[in-house]
Structures are given as C-alpha cells and as structure tokens.
Amino acid sequence: MADIPWTWLGIRASGITTWGLLTAVVLWGILLKTQTLGRVASPMRLLDLHRWLGAVAIGFLLVHMALLLIDPAVHFTALQILIPGVAPWKTLAVALGTIAFWLLIPVTFLGRLRAKMGLVGNRWFKRSHLIAYAAWPFATAHYVLAGTDALAEWSLAMLFAGAALIVLALLARGFVPAPGPVRPITEKGSQPLTSA
C-alpha cells in the first residue's frame, strides 16, 4: 500500500463517488418527476436535493479529472482527458467517461442560466436535460471498463443496486401516473360548489 501513489487512490475514490452521486441525481430526478414519494418529501425539497447532488457530482468529477492530470503513473494531458478517443490508457474506457462529462455540461450551465433566459431557457434546459440522461450509462460503462475496483464484490453490489433503483424508478415513472388537479367531490347530478 505504501507504493501506491496518493493520486491513484484519489482518482479511484473521486471516480466512485462521482458515479454514486450521478446515480443519486438520476434517481432523485425521476422521483421528483413521478412524485412517487407523495407527502414524504415535497417536490421543492426533492428539487433542491437534485440540484445539490448534481453540483456535488460535478465537483467530484472535476477533482477526478484534475487528479488524472497530476498522476505520475499515466501522464494524461488536458486534451487527452477532454477529447474522446485520444487517451494513452484504456482509450475506449476513458472516451466513455469523457463523453459522459460532455453530456453533463449543457444541463449544468443551462440550469444556472435558465431563469435569466425565460421561456427559451426553459425549452433549452428541457432538451439538455434529456441529453444528461445519457450521461449515466456512459459513466457506468466508464466505471466498469476503467475502474480498477469495478469487479470487486462490493463494487458489483453497488453497480447492481444503483442500476436496479434507477430501473425501478423508471418503471414507476411509466406506470405511476402523476397526480392530476384536485376536483371537487359532488353528488350525482349536482353541480360543484363555486364561490360567487
């Protein structure tokens, strides 16, 4: 353990943490949309948590990338990290991680600018949000193919648990209808009460 560079440990830890946070971001976003938690968590609380998890995930991702730049073992350059397919080590695996990074950028920036851009901002944010969904499978493939711990029992358990939770949430999104507007209860044939 003494021969292992601290940067390599940091790269592993920040990568695994980023994947876990990204999984939580996706899960919370789906729960927010479906409102399956009902009164347990208000939509505003879920939205705040979704945004906070997203910001922390981006922070850990930037740490992961910065550590790759200073790691003495592999010698990545900024371009090798930012351009898919040019990394000197596990080119495909790193490219998948780079693609996941670029898929997160539009939703990250548009999420911050959305209110200032009005209706156009909302439209572009919704489109970029759909793109961001694709980041999770790319990040997961990156983790499995590049992660040195990816096939450890604890890691496989984490991967399967995260994937299962997302699949269950997506099933809930498809099969649990969002609550509609509340309609007044009336007796058969009578009109609902309205204020004058």
N, C-alpha and C. Protein backbone atom coordinates (compact mmCIF):
# COMPACT_ATOMS: atom_id res chain seq x y z
N MET A 1 0.83 -1.20 0.00
CA MET A 1 0.00 0.00 0.00
C MET A 1 0.87 1.26 0.00
N ALA A 2 2.06 1.16 0.57
CA ALA A 2 2.94 2.32 0.63
C ALA A 2 3.43 2.73 -0.75
N ASP A 3 3.46 1.78 -1.71
CA ASP A 3 3.94 2.09 -3.05
C ASP A 3 2.87 2.72 -3.95
N ILE A 4 1.63 2.73 -3.48
CA ILE A 4 0.53 3.26 -4.29
C ILE A 4 0.51 4.78 -4.17
N PRO A 5 0.59 5.51 -5.29
CA PRO A 5 0.56 6.98 -5.22
C PRO A 5 -0.78 7.47 -4.68
N TRP A 6 -0.73 8.53 -3.90
CA TRP A 6 -1.96 9.09 -3.33
C TRP A 6 -2.90 9.57 -4.43
N THR A 7 -2.34 9.99 -5.56
CA THR A 7 -3.19 10.46 -6.66
C THR A 7 -4.05 9.32 -7.20
N TRP A 8 -3.47 8.12 -7.28
CA TRP A 8 -4.24 6.98 -7.77
C TRP A 8 -5.39 6.66 -6.84
N LEU A 9 -5.13 6.71 -5.52
CA LEU A 9 -6.21 6.49 -4.55
C LEU A 9 -7.28 7.57 -4.68
N GLY A 10 -6.84 8.81 -4.89
CA GLY A 10 -7.79 9.91 -5.06
C GLY A 10 -8.60 9.78 -6.33
N ILE A 11 -7.96 9.32 -7.40
CA ILE A 11 -8.68 9.11 -8.67
C ILE A 11 -9.75 8.06 -8.49
N ARG A 12 -9.41 6.96 -7.85
CA ARG A 12 -10.39 5.89 -7.60
C ARG A 12 -11.53 6.39 -6.73
N ALA A 13 -11.19 7.04 -5.62
CA ALA A 13 -12.21 7.49 -4.67
C ALA A 13 -13.14 8.53 -5.30
N SER A 14 -12.55 9.50 -6.01
CA SER A 14 -13.38 10.55 -6.61
C SER A 14 -14.22 10.00 -7.75
N GLY A 15 -13.70 9.02 -8.50
CA GLY A 15 -14.48 8.42 -9.58
C GLY A 15 -15.67 7.63 -9.06
N ILE A 16 -15.44 6.83 -8.04
CA ILE A 16 -16.54 6.04 -7.46
C ILE A 16 -17.58 6.95 -6.82
N THR A 17 -17.10 7.99 -6.14
CA THR A 17 -18.02 8.95 -5.51
C THR A 17 -18.84 9.68 -6.57
N THR A 18 -18.19 10.08 -7.66
CA THR A 18 -18.91 10.75 -8.75
C THR A 18 -19.99 9.85 -9.32
N TRP A 19 -19.67 8.57 -9.55
CA TRP A 19 -20.67 7.65 -10.09
C TRP A 19 -21.85 7.50 -9.11
N GLY A 20 -21.55 7.36 -7.83
CA GLY A 20 -22.62 7.24 -6.84
C GLY A 20 -23.51 8.48 -6.80
N LEU A 21 -22.88 9.64 -6.86
CA LEU A 21 -23.65 10.89 -6.85
C LEU A 21 -24.47 11.05 -8.13
N LEU A 22 -23.90 10.69 -9.26
CA LEU A 22 -24.64 10.77 -10.52
C LEU A 22 -25.84 9.82 -10.49
N THR A 23 -25.65 8.65 -9.92
CA THR A 23 -26.77 7.72 -9.76
C THR A 23 -27.86 8.34 -8.90
N ALA A 24 -27.46 8.98 -7.80
CA ALA A 24 -28.44 9.64 -6.92
C ALA A 24 -29.14 10.79 -7.63
N VAL A 25 -28.41 11.54 -8.45
CA VAL A 25 -29.00 12.65 -9.20
C VAL A 25 -30.10 12.13 -10.13
N VAL A 26 -29.80 11.08 -10.86
CA VAL A 26 -30.78 10.50 -11.79
C VAL A 26 -31.98 9.98 -11.02
N LEU A 27 -31.72 9.26 -9.94
CA LEU A 27 -32.80 8.68 -9.14
C LEU A 27 -33.70 9.77 -8.56
N TRP A 28 -33.09 10.79 -7.98
CA TRP A 28 -33.88 11.87 -7.39
C TRP A 28 -34.66 12.63 -8.46
N GLY A 29 -34.06 12.81 -9.62
CA GLY A 29 -34.78 13.48 -10.71
C GLY A 29 -36.01 12.70 -11.14
N ILE A 30 -35.88 11.38 -11.22
CA ILE A 30 -37.03 10.55 -11.60
C ILE A 30 -38.09 10.60 -10.51
N LEU A 31 -37.67 10.51 -9.23
CA LEU A 31 -38.63 10.58 -8.13
C LEU A 31 -39.34 11.93 -8.10
N LEU A 32 -38.63 12.97 -8.44
CA LEU A 32 -39.22 14.31 -8.50
C LEU A 32 -40.30 14.36 -9.57
N LYS A 33 -40.00 13.78 -10.72
CA LYS A 33 -40.95 13.81 -11.84
C LYS A 33 -42.19 12.96 -11.56
N THR A 34 -42.00 11.78 -10.96
CA THR A 34 -43.13 10.87 -10.73
C THR A 34 -43.94 11.23 -9.50
N GLN A 35 -43.33 11.92 -8.56
CA GLN A 35 -43.95 12.25 -7.29
C GLN A 35 -44.40 11.00 -6.54
N THR A 36 -43.65 9.90 -6.69
CA THR A 36 -44.00 8.65 -6.00
C THR A 36 -43.81 8.75 -4.50
N LEU A 37 -42.99 9.68 -4.05
CA LEU A 37 -42.81 9.81 -2.61
C LEU A 37 -43.96 10.57 -1.95
N GLY A 38 -44.84 11.12 -2.77
CA GLY A 38 -46.03 11.79 -2.23
C GLY A 38 -45.69 12.84 -1.20
N ARG A 39 -46.28 12.69 -0.03
CA ARG A 39 -46.10 13.68 1.03
C ARG A 39 -44.84 13.45 1.86
N VAL A 40 -44.13 12.35 1.62
CA VAL A 40 -42.91 12.08 2.36
C VAL A 40 -41.87 13.16 2.10
N ALA A 41 -41.78 13.60 0.86
CA ALA A 41 -40.84 14.66 0.50
C ALA A 41 -41.54 15.58 -0.49
N SER A 42 -41.52 16.86 -0.20
CA SER A 42 -42.17 17.82 -1.09
C SER A 42 -41.37 17.95 -2.38
N PRO A 43 -42.04 18.31 -3.48
CA PRO A 43 -41.32 18.49 -4.75
C PRO A 43 -40.18 19.51 -4.64
N MET A 44 -40.37 20.57 -3.85
CA MET A 44 -39.31 21.58 -3.72
C MET A 44 -38.09 21.00 -3.00
N ARG A 45 -38.32 20.16 -2.00
CA ARG A 45 -37.19 19.52 -1.31
C ARG A 45 -36.45 18.57 -2.24
N LEU A 46 -37.20 17.79 -3.00
CA LEU A 46 -36.57 16.88 -3.96
C LEU A 46 -35.79 17.67 -5.01
N LEU A 47 -36.35 18.78 -5.47
CA LEU A 47 -35.67 19.61 -6.47
C LEU A 47 -34.38 20.19 -5.89
N ASP A 48 -34.46 20.71 -4.66
CA ASP A 48 -33.25 21.24 -4.02
C ASP A 48 -32.19 20.15 -3.87
N LEU A 49 -32.59 18.96 -3.45
CA LEU A 49 -31.64 17.86 -3.29
C LEU A 49 -31.07 17.44 -4.64
N HIS A 50 -31.92 17.39 -5.66
CA HIS A 50 -31.49 17.04 -7.02
C HIS A 50 -30.42 18.01 -7.51
N ARG A 51 -30.66 19.30 -7.32
CA ARG A 51 -29.69 20.32 -7.74
C ARG A 51 -28.40 20.22 -6.93
N TRP A 52 -28.53 20.04 -5.61
CA TRP A 52 -27.36 19.97 -4.76
C TRP A 52 -26.51 18.74 -5.11
N LEU A 53 -27.15 17.59 -5.29
CA LEU A 53 -26.42 16.38 -5.67
C LEU A 53 -25.71 16.57 -7.01
N GLY A 54 -26.39 17.23 -7.94
CA GLY A 54 -25.78 17.49 -9.25
C GLY A 54 -24.53 18.36 -9.13
N ALA A 55 -24.60 19.40 -8.31
CA ALA A 55 -23.45 20.29 -8.13
C ALA A 55 -22.29 19.55 -7.46
N VAL A 56 -22.60 18.74 -6.46
CA VAL A 56 -21.54 17.99 -5.77
C VAL A 56 -20.94 16.95 -6.71
N ALA A 57 -21.77 16.31 -7.54
CA ALA A 57 -21.27 15.33 -8.51
C ALA A 57 -20.30 15.99 -9.49
N ILE A 58 -20.65 17.16 -10.00
CA ILE A 58 -19.76 17.88 -10.91
C ILE A 58 -18.45 18.24 -10.19
N GLY A 59 -18.54 18.63 -8.94
CA GLY A 59 -17.34 18.95 -8.16
C GLY A 59 -16.41 17.75 -8.04
N PHE A 60 -16.96 16.59 -7.69
CA PHE A 60 -16.13 15.38 -7.58
C PHE A 60 -15.59 14.96 -8.94
N LEU A 61 -16.37 15.17 -9.99
CA LEU A 61 -15.89 14.85 -11.34
C LEU A 61 -14.69 15.71 -11.71
N LEU A 62 -14.74 16.99 -11.36
CA LEU A 62 -13.62 17.89 -11.65
C LEU A 62 -12.38 17.49 -10.84
N VAL A 63 -12.57 17.05 -9.60
CA VAL A 63 -11.45 16.56 -8.80
C VAL A 63 -10.86 15.32 -9.47
N HIS A 64 -11.73 14.41 -9.92
CA HIS A 64 -11.29 13.19 -10.60
C HIS A 64 -10.42 13.52 -11.81
N MET A 65 -10.87 14.48 -12.61
CA MET A 65 -10.14 14.87 -13.82
C MET A 65 -8.83 15.60 -13.47
N ALA A 66 -8.87 16.45 -12.46
CA ALA A 66 -7.66 17.18 -12.06
C ALA A 66 -6.59 16.21 -11.54
N LEU A 67 -7.00 15.20 -10.79
CA LEU A 67 -6.04 14.23 -10.28
C LEU A 67 -5.41 13.42 -11.41
N LEU A 68 -6.18 13.18 -12.47
CA LEU A 68 -5.61 12.48 -13.63
C LEU A 68 -4.48 13.29 -14.25
N LEU A 69 -4.58 14.61 -14.19
CA LEU A 69 -3.55 15.47 -14.77
C LEU A 69 -2.24 15.42 -14.00
N ILE A 70 -2.30 15.17 -12.70
CA ILE A 70 -1.08 15.18 -11.90
C ILE A 70 -0.62 13.79 -11.49
N ASP A 71 -1.35 12.76 -11.89
CA ASP A 71 -0.96 11.40 -11.53
C ASP A 71 0.35 11.02 -12.23
N PRO A 72 1.35 10.53 -11.48
CA PRO A 72 2.64 10.22 -12.09
C PRO A 72 2.65 8.92 -12.90
N ALA A 73 1.64 8.08 -12.76
CA ALA A 73 1.67 6.77 -13.41
C ALA A 73 1.27 6.82 -14.89
N VAL A 74 0.23 7.57 -15.22
CA VAL A 74 -0.31 7.51 -16.58
C VAL A 74 0.05 8.73 -17.43
N HIS A 75 0.19 9.88 -16.86
CA HIS A 75 0.59 11.11 -17.57
C HIS A 75 -0.45 11.56 -18.60
N PHE A 76 -1.64 11.87 -18.15
CA PHE A 76 -2.67 12.43 -19.02
C PHE A 76 -2.41 13.91 -19.24
N THR A 77 -2.76 14.38 -20.44
CA THR A 77 -2.78 15.82 -20.70
C THR A 77 -4.24 16.27 -20.67
N ALA A 78 -4.46 17.57 -20.61
CA ALA A 78 -5.84 18.09 -20.59
C ALA A 78 -6.59 17.67 -21.85
N LEU A 79 -5.94 17.72 -22.99
CA LEU A 79 -6.61 17.33 -24.24
C LEU A 79 -6.98 15.84 -24.25
N GLN A 80 -6.12 15.01 -23.67
CA GLN A 80 -6.42 13.58 -23.62
C GLN A 80 -7.61 13.29 -22.71
N ILE A 81 -7.84 14.15 -21.75
CA ILE A 81 -8.99 13.99 -20.86
C ILE A 81 -10.26 14.56 -21.49
N LEU A 82 -10.12 15.64 -22.25
CA LEU A 82 -11.27 16.36 -22.78
C LEU A 82 -11.72 15.92 -24.17
N ILE A 83 -10.87 15.22 -24.90
CA ILE A 83 -11.23 14.78 -26.26
C ILE A 83 -11.37 13.26 -26.24
N PRO A 84 -12.56 12.76 -26.56
CA PRO A 84 -12.76 11.30 -26.55
C PRO A 84 -11.88 10.59 -27.58
N GLY A 85 -11.26 9.50 -27.14
CA GLY A 85 -10.53 8.65 -28.07
C GLY A 85 -9.05 8.94 -28.21
N VAL A 86 -8.49 9.87 -27.44
CA VAL A 86 -7.06 10.17 -27.58
C VAL A 86 -6.26 9.84 -26.32
N ALA A 87 -6.88 9.25 -25.33
CA ALA A 87 -6.18 8.92 -24.08
C ALA A 87 -5.18 7.80 -24.31
N PRO A 88 -4.02 7.85 -23.65
CA PRO A 88 -3.00 6.82 -23.84
C PRO A 88 -3.29 5.52 -23.08
N TRP A 89 -4.22 5.56 -22.13
CA TRP A 89 -4.51 4.41 -21.28
C TRP A 89 -5.98 4.06 -21.41
N LYS A 90 -6.31 2.82 -21.72
CA LYS A 90 -7.70 2.36 -21.85
C LYS A 90 -8.53 3.37 -22.64
N THR A 91 -8.17 3.54 -23.87
CA THR A 91 -8.73 4.61 -24.71
C THR A 91 -10.25 4.60 -24.75
N LEU A 92 -10.86 3.44 -24.97
CA LEU A 92 -12.32 3.38 -25.04
C LEU A 92 -12.95 3.73 -23.71
N ALA A 93 -12.43 3.16 -22.64
CA ALA A 93 -13.00 3.41 -21.31
C ALA A 93 -12.92 4.89 -20.94
N VAL A 94 -11.79 5.52 -21.22
CA VAL A 94 -11.63 6.94 -20.92
C VAL A 94 -12.54 7.77 -21.84
N ALA A 95 -12.67 7.36 -23.09
CA ALA A 95 -13.55 8.09 -24.02
C ALA A 95 -15.00 8.08 -23.52
N LEU A 96 -15.44 6.96 -22.97
CA LEU A 96 -16.80 6.88 -22.43
C LEU A 96 -16.98 7.86 -21.28
N GLY A 97 -15.98 7.97 -20.42
CA GLY A 97 -16.03 8.93 -19.32
C GLY A 97 -16.04 10.37 -19.82
N THR A 98 -15.24 10.63 -20.85
CA THR A 98 -15.20 11.97 -21.44
C THR A 98 -16.55 12.34 -22.05
N ILE A 99 -17.17 11.39 -22.74
CA ILE A 99 -18.49 11.64 -23.33
C ILE A 99 -19.50 11.93 -22.23
N ALA A 100 -19.45 11.16 -21.14
CA ALA A 100 -20.36 11.41 -20.01
C ALA A 100 -20.17 12.83 -19.48
N PHE A 101 -18.92 13.26 -19.36
CA PHE A 101 -18.63 14.62 -18.90
C PHE A 101 -19.27 15.65 -19.82
N TRP A 102 -19.07 15.51 -21.13
CA TRP A 102 -19.62 16.49 -22.08
C TRP A 102 -21.14 16.46 -22.12
N LEU A 103 -21.74 15.32 -21.83
CA LEU A 103 -23.21 15.26 -21.79
C LEU A 103 -23.77 16.01 -20.58
N LEU A 104 -22.98 16.15 -19.53
CA LEU A 104 -23.44 16.86 -18.33
C LEU A 104 -23.28 18.38 -18.43
N ILE A 105 -22.39 18.83 -19.29
CA ILE A 105 -22.08 20.27 -19.35
C ILE A 105 -23.29 21.13 -19.75
N PRO A 106 -24.04 20.79 -20.81
CA PRO A 106 -25.16 21.68 -21.17
C PRO A 106 -26.19 21.84 -20.07
N VAL A 107 -26.59 20.75 -19.43
CA VAL A 107 -27.61 20.85 -18.38
C VAL A 107 -27.07 21.61 -17.17
N THR A 108 -25.78 21.49 -16.91
CA THR A 108 -25.18 22.21 -15.78
C THR A 108 -25.23 23.72 -16.01
N PHE A 109 -24.81 24.17 -17.19
CA PHE A 109 -24.81 25.60 -17.46
C PHE A 109 -26.22 26.15 -17.67
N LEU A 110 -27.03 25.44 -18.43
CA LEU A 110 -28.39 25.93 -18.69
C LEU A 110 -29.24 25.93 -17.43
N GLY A 111 -28.95 25.01 -16.50
CA GLY A 111 -29.66 25.01 -15.23
C GLY A 111 -29.41 26.28 -14.44
N ARG A 112 -28.20 26.83 -14.55
CA ARG A 112 -27.86 28.08 -13.86
C ARG A 112 -28.41 29.31 -14.58
N LEU A 113 -28.52 29.24 -15.91
CA LEU A 113 -28.96 30.39 -16.70
C LEU A 113 -30.45 30.36 -17.02
N ARG A 114 -31.11 29.27 -16.73
CA ARG A 114 -32.49 29.04 -17.14
C ARG A 114 -33.42 30.19 -16.77
N ALA A 115 -33.39 30.64 -15.54
CA ALA A 115 -34.31 31.69 -15.10
C ALA A 115 -34.07 33.01 -15.85
N LYS A 116 -32.83 33.29 -16.18
CA LYS A 116 -32.50 34.55 -16.87
C LYS A 116 -32.90 34.52 -18.34
N MET A 117 -33.09 33.32 -18.89
CA MET A 117 -33.39 33.19 -20.32
C MET A 117 -34.88 33.07 -20.62
N GLY A 118 -35.72 33.04 -19.60
CA GLY A 118 -37.17 32.99 -19.80
C GLY A 118 -37.64 31.69 -20.44
N LEU A 119 -38.62 31.79 -21.33
CA LEU A 119 -39.20 30.61 -21.98
C LEU A 119 -38.18 29.87 -22.84
N VAL A 120 -37.32 30.62 -23.50
CA VAL A 120 -36.28 29.99 -24.33
C VAL A 120 -35.36 29.16 -23.43
N GLY A 121 -35.02 29.71 -22.26
CA GLY A 121 -34.19 28.99 -21.31
C GLY A 121 -34.83 27.70 -20.85
N ASN A 122 -36.13 27.74 -20.58
CA ASN A 122 -36.84 26.52 -20.16
C ASN A 122 -36.82 25.48 -21.27
N ARG A 123 -37.05 25.91 -22.49
CA ARG A 123 -37.07 24.98 -23.62
C ARG A 123 -35.70 24.32 -23.81
N TRP A 124 -34.65 25.13 -23.79
CA TRP A 124 -33.30 24.58 -23.96
C TRP A 124 -32.88 23.72 -22.78
N PHE A 125 -33.32 24.11 -21.58
CA PHE A 125 -32.99 23.31 -20.41
C PHE A 125 -33.63 21.92 -20.50
N LYS A 126 -34.88 21.86 -20.94
CA LYS A 126 -35.56 20.56 -21.06
C LYS A 126 -34.85 19.68 -22.08
N ARG A 127 -34.42 20.26 -23.18
CA ARG A 127 -33.70 19.48 -24.20
C ARG A 127 -32.36 18.98 -23.65
N SER A 128 -31.63 19.85 -22.98
CA SER A 128 -30.33 19.45 -22.43
C SER A 128 -30.51 18.44 -21.31
N HIS A 129 -31.62 18.52 -20.62
CA HIS A 129 -31.89 17.57 -19.54
C HIS A 129 -32.05 16.16 -20.10
N LEU A 130 -32.67 16.04 -21.25
CA LEU A 130 -32.80 14.73 -21.90
C LEU A 130 -31.43 14.18 -22.29
N ILE A 131 -30.55 15.06 -22.75
CA ILE A 131 -29.18 14.65 -23.11
C ILE A 131 -28.45 14.15 -21.86
N ALA A 132 -28.68 14.82 -20.74
CA ALA A 132 -27.98 14.45 -19.50
C ALA A 132 -28.34 13.04 -19.04
N TYR A 133 -29.54 12.57 -19.37
CA TYR A 133 -29.91 11.19 -19.00
C TYR A 133 -28.90 10.19 -19.57
N ALA A 134 -28.38 10.47 -20.75
CA ALA A 134 -27.43 9.55 -21.39
C ALA A 134 -26.09 9.52 -20.67
N ALA A 135 -25.81 10.51 -19.85
CA ALA A 135 -24.52 10.54 -19.14
C ALA A 135 -24.38 9.35 -18.20
N TRP A 136 -25.47 8.92 -17.57
CA TRP A 136 -25.37 7.83 -16.59
C TRP A 136 -24.90 6.52 -17.22
N PRO A 137 -25.48 6.05 -18.34
CA PRO A 137 -24.95 4.82 -18.93
C PRO A 137 -23.50 4.94 -19.38
N PHE A 138 -23.12 6.10 -19.92
CA PHE A 138 -21.72 6.30 -20.33
C PHE A 138 -20.80 6.28 -19.11
N ALA A 139 -21.21 6.95 -18.04
CA ALA A 139 -20.40 6.97 -16.82
C ALA A 139 -20.30 5.57 -16.21
N THR A 140 -21.38 4.82 -16.29
CA THR A 140 -21.37 3.46 -15.75
C THR A 140 -20.44 2.57 -16.57
N ALA A 141 -20.49 2.69 -17.88
CA ALA A 141 -19.59 1.91 -18.74
C ALA A 141 -18.14 2.31 -18.47
N HIS A 142 -17.88 3.60 -18.27
CA HIS A 142 -16.54 4.08 -17.95
C HIS A 142 -16.06 3.45 -16.64
N TYR A 143 -16.92 3.45 -15.64
CA TYR A 143 -16.59 2.88 -14.34
C TYR A 143 -16.25 1.40 -14.46
N VAL A 144 -17.08 0.66 -15.19
CA VAL A 144 -16.88 -0.79 -15.32
C VAL A 144 -15.60 -1.10 -16.09
N LEU A 145 -15.34 -0.35 -17.17
CA LEU A 145 -14.19 -0.66 -18.03
C LEU A 145 -12.87 -0.06 -17.53
N ALA A 146 -12.93 1.06 -16.82
CA ALA A 146 -11.69 1.72 -16.38
C ALA A 146 -11.40 1.53 -14.90
N GLY A 147 -12.45 1.31 -14.12
CA GLY A 147 -12.27 1.22 -12.67
C GLY A 147 -11.50 -0.03 -12.27
N THR A 148 -10.44 0.17 -11.50
CA THR A 148 -9.64 -0.98 -11.08
C THR A 148 -10.39 -1.83 -10.04
N ASP A 149 -11.38 -1.23 -9.39
CA ASP A 149 -12.17 -1.96 -8.40
C ASP A 149 -13.53 -2.40 -8.93
N ALA A 150 -13.79 -2.18 -10.20
CA ALA A 150 -15.14 -2.38 -10.75
C ALA A 150 -15.67 -3.80 -10.56
N LEU A 151 -14.80 -4.78 -10.58
CA LEU A 151 -15.27 -6.17 -10.46
C LEU A 151 -15.16 -6.72 -9.04
N ALA A 152 -14.79 -5.89 -8.09
CA ALA A 152 -14.80 -6.32 -6.68
C ALA A 152 -16.25 -6.54 -6.25
N GLU A 153 -16.45 -7.42 -5.29
CA GLU A 153 -17.82 -7.76 -4.87
C GLU A 153 -18.59 -6.54 -4.41
N TRP A 154 -17.98 -5.69 -3.59
CA TRP A 154 -18.67 -4.51 -3.09
C TRP A 154 -19.03 -3.57 -4.23
N SER A 155 -18.15 -3.48 -5.24
CA SER A 155 -18.40 -2.60 -6.37
C SER A 155 -19.54 -3.13 -7.24
N LEU A 156 -19.51 -4.44 -7.49
CA LEU A 156 -20.60 -5.05 -8.27
C LEU A 156 -21.93 -4.88 -7.55
N ALA A 157 -21.93 -5.03 -6.22
CA ALA A 157 -23.16 -4.84 -5.45
C ALA A 157 -23.66 -3.41 -5.60
N MET A 158 -22.74 -2.45 -5.56
CA MET A 158 -23.11 -1.05 -5.72
C MET A 158 -23.65 -0.77 -7.13
N LEU A 159 -22.99 -1.32 -8.13
CA LEU A 159 -23.45 -1.15 -9.51
C LEU A 159 -24.84 -1.74 -9.72
N PHE A 160 -25.04 -2.96 -9.24
CA PHE A 160 -26.34 -3.60 -9.41
C PHE A 160 -27.43 -2.87 -8.62
N ALA A 161 -27.12 -2.45 -7.40
CA ALA A 161 -28.11 -1.72 -6.59
C ALA A 161 -28.49 -0.40 -7.26
N GLY A 162 -27.49 0.35 -7.73
CA GLY A 162 -27.77 1.62 -8.40
C GLY A 162 -28.60 1.44 -9.65
N ALA A 163 -28.22 0.44 -10.47
CA ALA A 163 -28.98 0.18 -11.70
C ALA A 163 -30.40 -0.29 -11.38
N ALA A 164 -30.55 -1.14 -10.38
CA ALA A 164 -31.89 -1.63 -10.01
C ALA A 164 -32.78 -0.49 -9.52
N LEU A 165 -32.22 0.40 -8.71
CA LEU A 165 -33.02 1.54 -8.22
C LEU A 165 -33.48 2.43 -9.37
N ILE A 166 -32.58 2.67 -10.32
CA ILE A 166 -32.95 3.51 -11.46
C ILE A 166 -34.00 2.82 -12.31
N VAL A 167 -33.86 1.52 -12.56
CA VAL A 167 -34.85 0.79 -13.34
C VAL A 167 -36.21 0.82 -12.63
N LEU A 168 -36.23 0.60 -11.32
CA LEU A 168 -37.49 0.64 -10.57
C LEU A 168 -38.12 2.03 -10.63
N ALA A 169 -37.29 3.06 -10.51
CA ALA A 169 -37.82 4.43 -10.59
C ALA A 169 -38.36 4.73 -11.98
N LEU A 170 -37.67 4.24 -13.02
CA LEU A 170 -38.17 4.44 -14.39
C LEU A 170 -39.48 3.69 -14.61
N LEU A 171 -39.59 2.50 -14.04
CA LEU A 171 -40.85 1.76 -14.13
C LEU A 171 -41.96 2.53 -13.43
N ALA A 172 -41.65 3.09 -12.26
CA ALA A 172 -42.64 3.90 -11.55
C ALA A 172 -43.02 5.12 -12.37
N ARG A 173 -42.05 5.69 -13.06
CA ARG A 173 -42.35 6.87 -13.89
C ARG A 173 -43.31 6.51 -15.02
N GLY A 174 -43.17 5.30 -15.55
CA GLY A 174 -44.05 4.89 -16.63
C GLY A 174 -45.41 4.40 -16.19
N PHE A 175 -45.47 3.85 -14.97
CA PHE A 175 -46.71 3.21 -14.54
C PHE A 175 -47.44 3.91 -13.41
N VAL A 176 -46.80 4.85 -12.76
CA VAL A 176 -47.46 5.60 -11.70
C VAL A 176 -47.83 6.96 -12.27
N PRO A 177 -49.12 7.19 -12.51
CA PRO A 177 -49.50 8.47 -13.11
C PRO A 177 -49.23 9.62 -12.15
N ALA A 178 -48.82 10.73 -12.72
CA ALA A 178 -48.62 11.93 -11.90
C ALA A 178 -49.97 12.40 -11.39
N PRO A 179 -50.02 12.95 -10.18
CA PRO A 179 -51.31 13.41 -9.65
C PRO A 179 -51.89 14.51 -10.52
N GLY A 180 -53.18 14.39 -10.78
CA GLY A 180 -53.87 15.40 -11.58
C GLY A 180 -54.43 16.49 -10.69
N PRO A 181 -55.11 17.44 -11.30
CA PRO A 181 -55.71 18.51 -10.49
C PRO A 181 -56.82 17.94 -9.59
N VAL A 182 -56.96 18.54 -8.43
CA VAL A 182 -57.99 18.09 -7.48
C VAL A 182 -59.33 18.61 -7.95
N ARG A 183 -60.28 17.71 -8.07
CA ARG A 183 -61.64 18.10 -8.50
C ARG A 183 -62.57 17.97 -7.30
N PRO A 184 -63.50 18.89 -7.19
CA PRO A 184 -64.42 18.82 -6.05
C PRO A 184 -65.32 17.59 -6.16
N ILE A 185 -65.62 17.01 -5.01
CA ILE A 185 -66.50 15.84 -4.97
C ILE A 185 -67.93 16.34 -4.95
N THR A 186 -68.73 15.84 -5.86
CA THR A 186 -70.13 16.25 -5.94
C THR A 186 -71.01 15.02 -5.93
N GLU A 187 -72.24 15.24 -5.50
CA GLU A 187 -73.20 14.16 -5.58
C GLU A 187 -73.64 14.00 -7.02
N LYS A 188 -74.13 12.82 -7.35
CA LYS A 188 -74.55 12.55 -8.72
C LYS A 188 -75.62 13.55 -9.15
N GLY A 189 -75.33 14.23 -10.24
CA GLY A 189 -76.29 15.16 -10.81
C GLY A 189 -76.19 16.57 -10.27
N SER A 190 -75.44 16.80 -9.20
CA SER A 190 -75.36 18.15 -8.66
C SER A 190 -74.14 18.87 -9.18
N GLN A 191 -74.14 20.15 -9.12
CA GLN A 191 -73.04 20.98 -9.61
C GLN A 191 -72.03 21.18 -8.49
N PRO A 192 -70.73 21.28 -8.83
CA PRO A 192 -69.75 21.60 -7.79
C PRO A 192 -69.98 23.00 -7.25
N LEU A 193 -69.65 23.18 -5.98
CA LEU A 193 -69.81 24.49 -5.35
C LEU A 193 -68.76 25.44 -5.89
N THR A 194 -69.18 26.62 -6.23
CA THR A 194 -68.25 27.65 -6.66
C THR A 194 -68.47 28.89 -5.83
N SER A 195 -67.43 29.66 -5.65
CA SER A 195 -67.59 30.89 -4.87
C SER A 195 -68.15 31.96 -5.80
N ALA A 196 -68.99 32.81 -5.22
CA ALA A 196 -69.64 33.84 -6.01
C ALA A 196 -68.78 35.06 -6.14
